[in-house]
């Protein structure tokens, strides 16, 4: 199912890297992983610390974090072939 936008450090701690691996070729119609361009620079203390990953509105935390930093949301889908992926922290 759909997970709300979040930062892994919220529940895994600092210094942890995760690897996301595509098991099938992905298209934008499949609802792939998305990143918010530039969000790694957002200071979100108190806004996105512990998100509800299964929130009714999966973009609530994302919009709140962007608003607190006076930024705009620019989503970038991760479209990769089977075996591709991303490493993030």
N, C-alpha and C. Protein backbone atom coordinates (compact mmCIF):
# COMPACT_ATOMS: atom_id res chain seq x y z
N UNK A 1 0.80 -1.18 0.00
CA UNK A 1 0.00 0.00 0.00
C UNK A 1 0.86 1.26 0.00
N UNK A 2 0.22 2.37 -0.06
CA UNK A 2 0.89 3.66 -0.09
C UNK A 2 1.45 4.01 1.29
N UNK A 3 2.72 4.40 1.31
CA UNK A 3 3.34 4.89 2.53
C UNK A 3 3.41 6.41 2.46
N UNK A 4 3.23 7.06 3.58
CA UNK A 4 3.34 8.51 3.63
C UNK A 4 4.79 8.93 3.42
N UNK A 5 4.98 10.14 2.93
CA UNK A 5 6.33 10.66 2.77
C UNK A 5 6.98 10.75 4.15
N UNK A 6 8.25 10.38 4.22
CA UNK A 6 8.94 10.32 5.50
C UNK A 6 10.45 10.35 5.28
N UNK A 7 11.17 10.49 6.36
CA UNK A 7 12.63 10.34 6.37
C UNK A 7 12.94 9.12 7.22
N UNK A 8 13.77 8.23 6.70
CA UNK A 8 14.07 7.00 7.42
C UNK A 8 14.70 7.28 8.79
N UNK A 9 15.41 8.39 8.92
CA UNK A 9 16.04 8.70 10.21
C UNK A 9 15.00 8.88 11.31
N UNK A 10 13.75 9.12 10.95
CA UNK A 10 12.69 9.28 11.95
C UNK A 10 12.53 8.05 12.82
N UNK A 11 12.76 6.89 12.23
CA UNK A 11 12.56 5.67 13.00
C UNK A 11 13.76 4.73 12.99
N UNK A 12 14.80 5.03 12.19
CA UNK A 12 15.98 4.17 12.14
C UNK A 12 17.20 4.80 12.79
N UNK A 13 17.17 6.11 13.01
CA UNK A 13 18.30 6.80 13.61
C UNK A 13 19.27 7.34 12.58
N UNK A 14 20.20 8.14 13.04
CA UNK A 14 21.19 8.75 12.16
C UNK A 14 22.25 7.72 11.76
N UNK A 15 22.85 7.92 10.59
CA UNK A 15 23.95 7.07 10.15
C UNK A 15 23.51 5.76 9.52
N UNK A 16 22.22 5.57 9.31
CA UNK A 16 21.72 4.33 8.70
C UNK A 16 21.40 4.59 7.24
N UNK A 17 21.85 3.69 6.38
CA UNK A 17 21.53 3.76 4.97
C UNK A 17 20.57 2.63 4.64
N UNK A 18 19.64 2.90 3.74
CA UNK A 18 18.74 1.85 3.28
C UNK A 18 18.88 1.70 1.78
N UNK A 19 18.58 0.52 1.29
CA UNK A 19 18.67 0.22 -0.14
C UNK A 19 17.30 -0.24 -0.60
N UNK A 20 16.79 0.39 -1.63
CA UNK A 20 15.50 0.04 -2.21
C UNK A 20 15.77 -0.62 -3.55
N UNK A 21 15.26 -1.82 -3.77
CA UNK A 21 15.52 -2.60 -4.96
C UNK A 21 14.23 -2.88 -5.70
N UNK A 22 14.21 -2.57 -7.00
CA UNK A 22 13.03 -2.84 -7.83
C UNK A 22 13.04 -4.30 -8.27
N UNK A 23 11.99 -5.02 -7.97
CA UNK A 23 11.90 -6.43 -8.36
C UNK A 23 11.30 -6.60 -9.76
N UNK A 24 10.70 -5.54 -10.29
CA UNK A 24 10.14 -5.54 -11.64
C UNK A 24 10.50 -4.22 -12.31
N UNK A 25 10.40 -4.17 -13.64
CA UNK A 25 10.55 -2.90 -14.35
C UNK A 25 9.44 -1.97 -13.87
N UNK A 26 9.78 -0.73 -13.60
CA UNK A 26 8.79 0.22 -13.07
C UNK A 26 8.37 1.24 -14.11
N UNK A 27 7.13 1.66 -14.01
CA UNK A 27 6.60 2.76 -14.80
C UNK A 27 5.95 3.74 -13.82
N UNK A 28 5.70 4.94 -14.28
CA UNK A 28 5.06 5.92 -13.40
C UNK A 28 3.64 5.51 -13.02
N UNK A 29 2.98 4.71 -13.87
CA UNK A 29 1.62 4.26 -13.58
C UNK A 29 1.57 3.27 -12.42
N UNK A 30 2.70 2.67 -12.07
CA UNK A 30 2.74 1.66 -11.02
C UNK A 30 2.87 2.26 -9.62
N UNK A 31 3.05 3.57 -9.53
CA UNK A 31 3.19 4.20 -8.23
C UNK A 31 4.55 3.93 -7.60
N UNK A 32 5.62 4.28 -8.30
CA UNK A 32 6.97 4.00 -7.78
C UNK A 32 7.36 4.89 -6.61
N UNK A 33 8.50 4.57 -6.02
CA UNK A 33 9.10 5.41 -5.00
C UNK A 33 9.27 6.82 -5.57
N UNK A 34 9.02 7.83 -4.76
CA UNK A 34 9.20 9.22 -5.18
C UNK A 34 10.05 9.95 -4.16
N UNK A 35 10.86 10.86 -4.65
CA UNK A 35 11.64 11.76 -3.80
C UNK A 35 11.13 13.18 -4.01
N UNK A 36 11.21 13.98 -2.97
CA UNK A 36 10.89 15.40 -3.09
C UNK A 36 12.21 16.12 -3.33
N UNK A 37 12.37 16.63 -4.54
CA UNK A 37 13.62 17.29 -4.92
C UNK A 37 14.00 18.37 -3.92
N UNK A 38 15.23 18.31 -3.41
CA UNK A 38 15.75 19.31 -2.49
C UNK A 38 15.34 19.13 -1.04
N UNK A 39 14.49 18.14 -0.75
CA UNK A 39 13.99 18.00 0.62
C UNK A 39 15.08 17.59 1.61
N UNK A 40 16.18 17.08 1.12
CA UNK A 40 17.29 16.73 2.02
C UNK A 40 17.87 17.99 2.68
N UNK A 41 17.59 19.14 2.11
CA UNK A 41 18.09 20.41 2.68
C UNK A 41 17.07 21.06 3.62
N UNK A 42 15.87 20.53 3.68
CA UNK A 42 14.83 21.12 4.52
C UNK A 42 15.12 20.83 5.99
N UNK A 43 14.98 21.85 6.82
CA UNK A 43 15.04 21.63 8.26
C UNK A 43 13.61 21.39 8.71
N UNK A 44 13.37 20.23 9.29
CA UNK A 44 11.99 19.85 9.59
C UNK A 44 11.80 19.48 11.05
N UNK A 45 12.66 19.95 11.91
CA UNK A 45 12.55 19.59 13.33
C UNK A 45 11.15 19.86 13.84
N UNK A 46 10.53 18.84 14.38
CA UNK A 46 9.19 18.98 14.93
C UNK A 46 8.08 18.82 13.92
N UNK A 47 8.40 18.87 12.63
CA UNK A 47 7.36 18.76 11.60
C UNK A 47 7.26 17.35 11.08
N UNK A 48 8.40 16.73 10.77
CA UNK A 48 8.39 15.40 10.16
C UNK A 48 9.21 14.41 10.96
N UNK A 49 9.33 14.64 12.26
CA UNK A 49 10.16 13.76 13.08
C UNK A 49 9.66 12.32 13.11
N UNK A 50 8.40 12.13 13.46
CA UNK A 50 7.86 10.78 13.53
C UNK A 50 6.53 10.75 12.76
N UNK A 51 6.61 10.47 11.47
CA UNK A 51 5.39 10.50 10.66
C UNK A 51 4.54 9.25 10.86
N UNK A 52 3.29 9.36 10.54
CA UNK A 52 2.40 8.21 10.48
C UNK A 52 2.54 7.65 9.06
N UNK A 53 3.24 6.53 8.92
CA UNK A 53 3.53 6.00 7.59
C UNK A 53 2.29 5.59 6.82
N UNK A 54 1.19 5.34 7.52
CA UNK A 54 -0.04 4.91 6.86
C UNK A 54 -1.14 5.95 7.00
N UNK A 55 -0.75 7.22 7.01
CA UNK A 55 -1.70 8.32 7.18
C UNK A 55 -2.73 8.33 6.06
N UNK A 56 -3.91 8.83 6.39
CA UNK A 56 -4.98 8.95 5.39
C UNK A 56 -4.52 9.82 4.22
N UNK A 57 -3.82 10.91 4.53
CA UNK A 57 -3.26 11.80 3.51
C UNK A 57 -1.75 11.60 3.50
N UNK A 58 -1.22 10.78 2.57
CA UNK A 58 0.20 10.44 2.57
C UNK A 58 1.13 11.62 2.29
N UNK A 59 0.58 12.76 1.82
CA UNK A 59 1.43 13.92 1.54
C UNK A 59 1.35 15.00 2.61
N UNK A 60 0.62 14.75 3.70
CA UNK A 60 0.46 15.76 4.74
C UNK A 60 1.81 16.20 5.31
N UNK A 61 2.64 15.25 5.74
CA UNK A 61 3.93 15.58 6.34
C UNK A 61 4.82 16.29 5.32
N UNK A 62 4.78 15.85 4.08
CA UNK A 62 5.57 16.47 3.01
C UNK A 62 5.18 17.93 2.83
N UNK A 63 3.90 18.20 2.72
CA UNK A 63 3.44 19.59 2.54
C UNK A 63 3.78 20.44 3.76
N UNK A 64 3.62 19.89 4.96
CA UNK A 64 3.93 20.65 6.18
C UNK A 64 5.42 20.97 6.24
N UNK A 65 6.28 20.01 5.89
CA UNK A 65 7.72 20.24 5.91
C UNK A 65 8.11 21.30 4.88
N UNK A 66 7.55 21.21 3.68
CA UNK A 66 7.85 22.20 2.64
C UNK A 66 7.39 23.59 3.07
N UNK A 67 6.20 23.67 3.63
CA UNK A 67 5.67 24.96 4.08
C UNK A 67 6.55 25.57 5.16
N UNK A 68 7.02 24.74 6.11
CA UNK A 68 7.85 25.27 7.20
C UNK A 68 9.18 25.81 6.70
N UNK A 69 9.60 25.36 5.52
CA UNK A 69 10.87 25.82 4.93
C UNK A 69 10.64 26.79 3.78
N UNK A 70 9.39 27.16 3.57
CA UNK A 70 9.02 28.05 2.48
C UNK A 70 9.52 27.52 1.13
N UNK A 71 9.33 26.23 0.95
CA UNK A 71 9.74 25.55 -0.28
C UNK A 71 8.53 25.01 -1.01
N UNK A 72 8.73 24.65 -2.27
CA UNK A 72 7.68 24.04 -3.07
C UNK A 72 7.99 22.56 -3.23
N UNK A 73 6.96 21.77 -3.33
CA UNK A 73 7.12 20.33 -3.50
C UNK A 73 7.30 20.01 -4.98
N UNK A 74 8.40 19.33 -5.29
CA UNK A 74 8.69 18.89 -6.66
C UNK A 74 9.02 17.40 -6.57
N UNK A 75 8.05 16.55 -6.89
CA UNK A 75 8.23 15.11 -6.76
C UNK A 75 8.92 14.52 -7.98
N UNK A 76 9.87 13.62 -7.70
CA UNK A 76 10.63 12.95 -8.75
C UNK A 76 10.44 11.44 -8.57
N UNK A 77 9.78 10.78 -9.54
CA UNK A 77 9.60 9.34 -9.42
C UNK A 77 10.89 8.59 -9.73
N UNK A 78 11.08 7.46 -9.05
CA UNK A 78 12.24 6.60 -9.31
C UNK A 78 11.78 5.54 -10.31
N UNK A 79 12.08 5.77 -11.58
CA UNK A 79 11.70 4.86 -12.66
C UNK A 79 12.94 4.08 -13.04
N UNK A 80 12.97 2.80 -12.72
CA UNK A 80 14.14 1.97 -12.99
C UNK A 80 13.69 0.62 -13.54
N UNK A 81 14.63 -0.07 -14.14
CA UNK A 81 14.36 -1.42 -14.60
C UNK A 81 14.56 -2.39 -13.44
N UNK A 82 14.04 -3.58 -13.59
CA UNK A 82 14.20 -4.64 -12.58
C UNK A 82 15.68 -4.76 -12.22
N UNK A 83 15.95 -4.80 -10.94
CA UNK A 83 17.33 -4.88 -10.46
C UNK A 83 17.94 -3.53 -10.14
N UNK A 84 17.28 -2.45 -10.60
CA UNK A 84 17.74 -1.10 -10.27
C UNK A 84 17.24 -0.72 -8.89
N UNK A 85 17.67 0.40 -8.39
CA UNK A 85 17.20 0.82 -7.08
C UNK A 85 17.80 2.14 -6.67
N UNK A 86 17.76 2.38 -5.38
CA UNK A 86 18.33 3.60 -4.84
C UNK A 86 18.86 3.35 -3.44
N UNK A 87 19.89 4.09 -3.11
CA UNK A 87 20.47 4.05 -1.76
C UNK A 87 20.19 5.41 -1.14
N UNK A 88 19.65 5.40 0.05
CA UNK A 88 19.34 6.67 0.69
C UNK A 88 19.50 6.57 2.18
N UNK A 89 19.62 7.77 2.81
CA UNK A 89 19.74 7.80 4.26
C UNK A 89 18.80 8.81 4.83
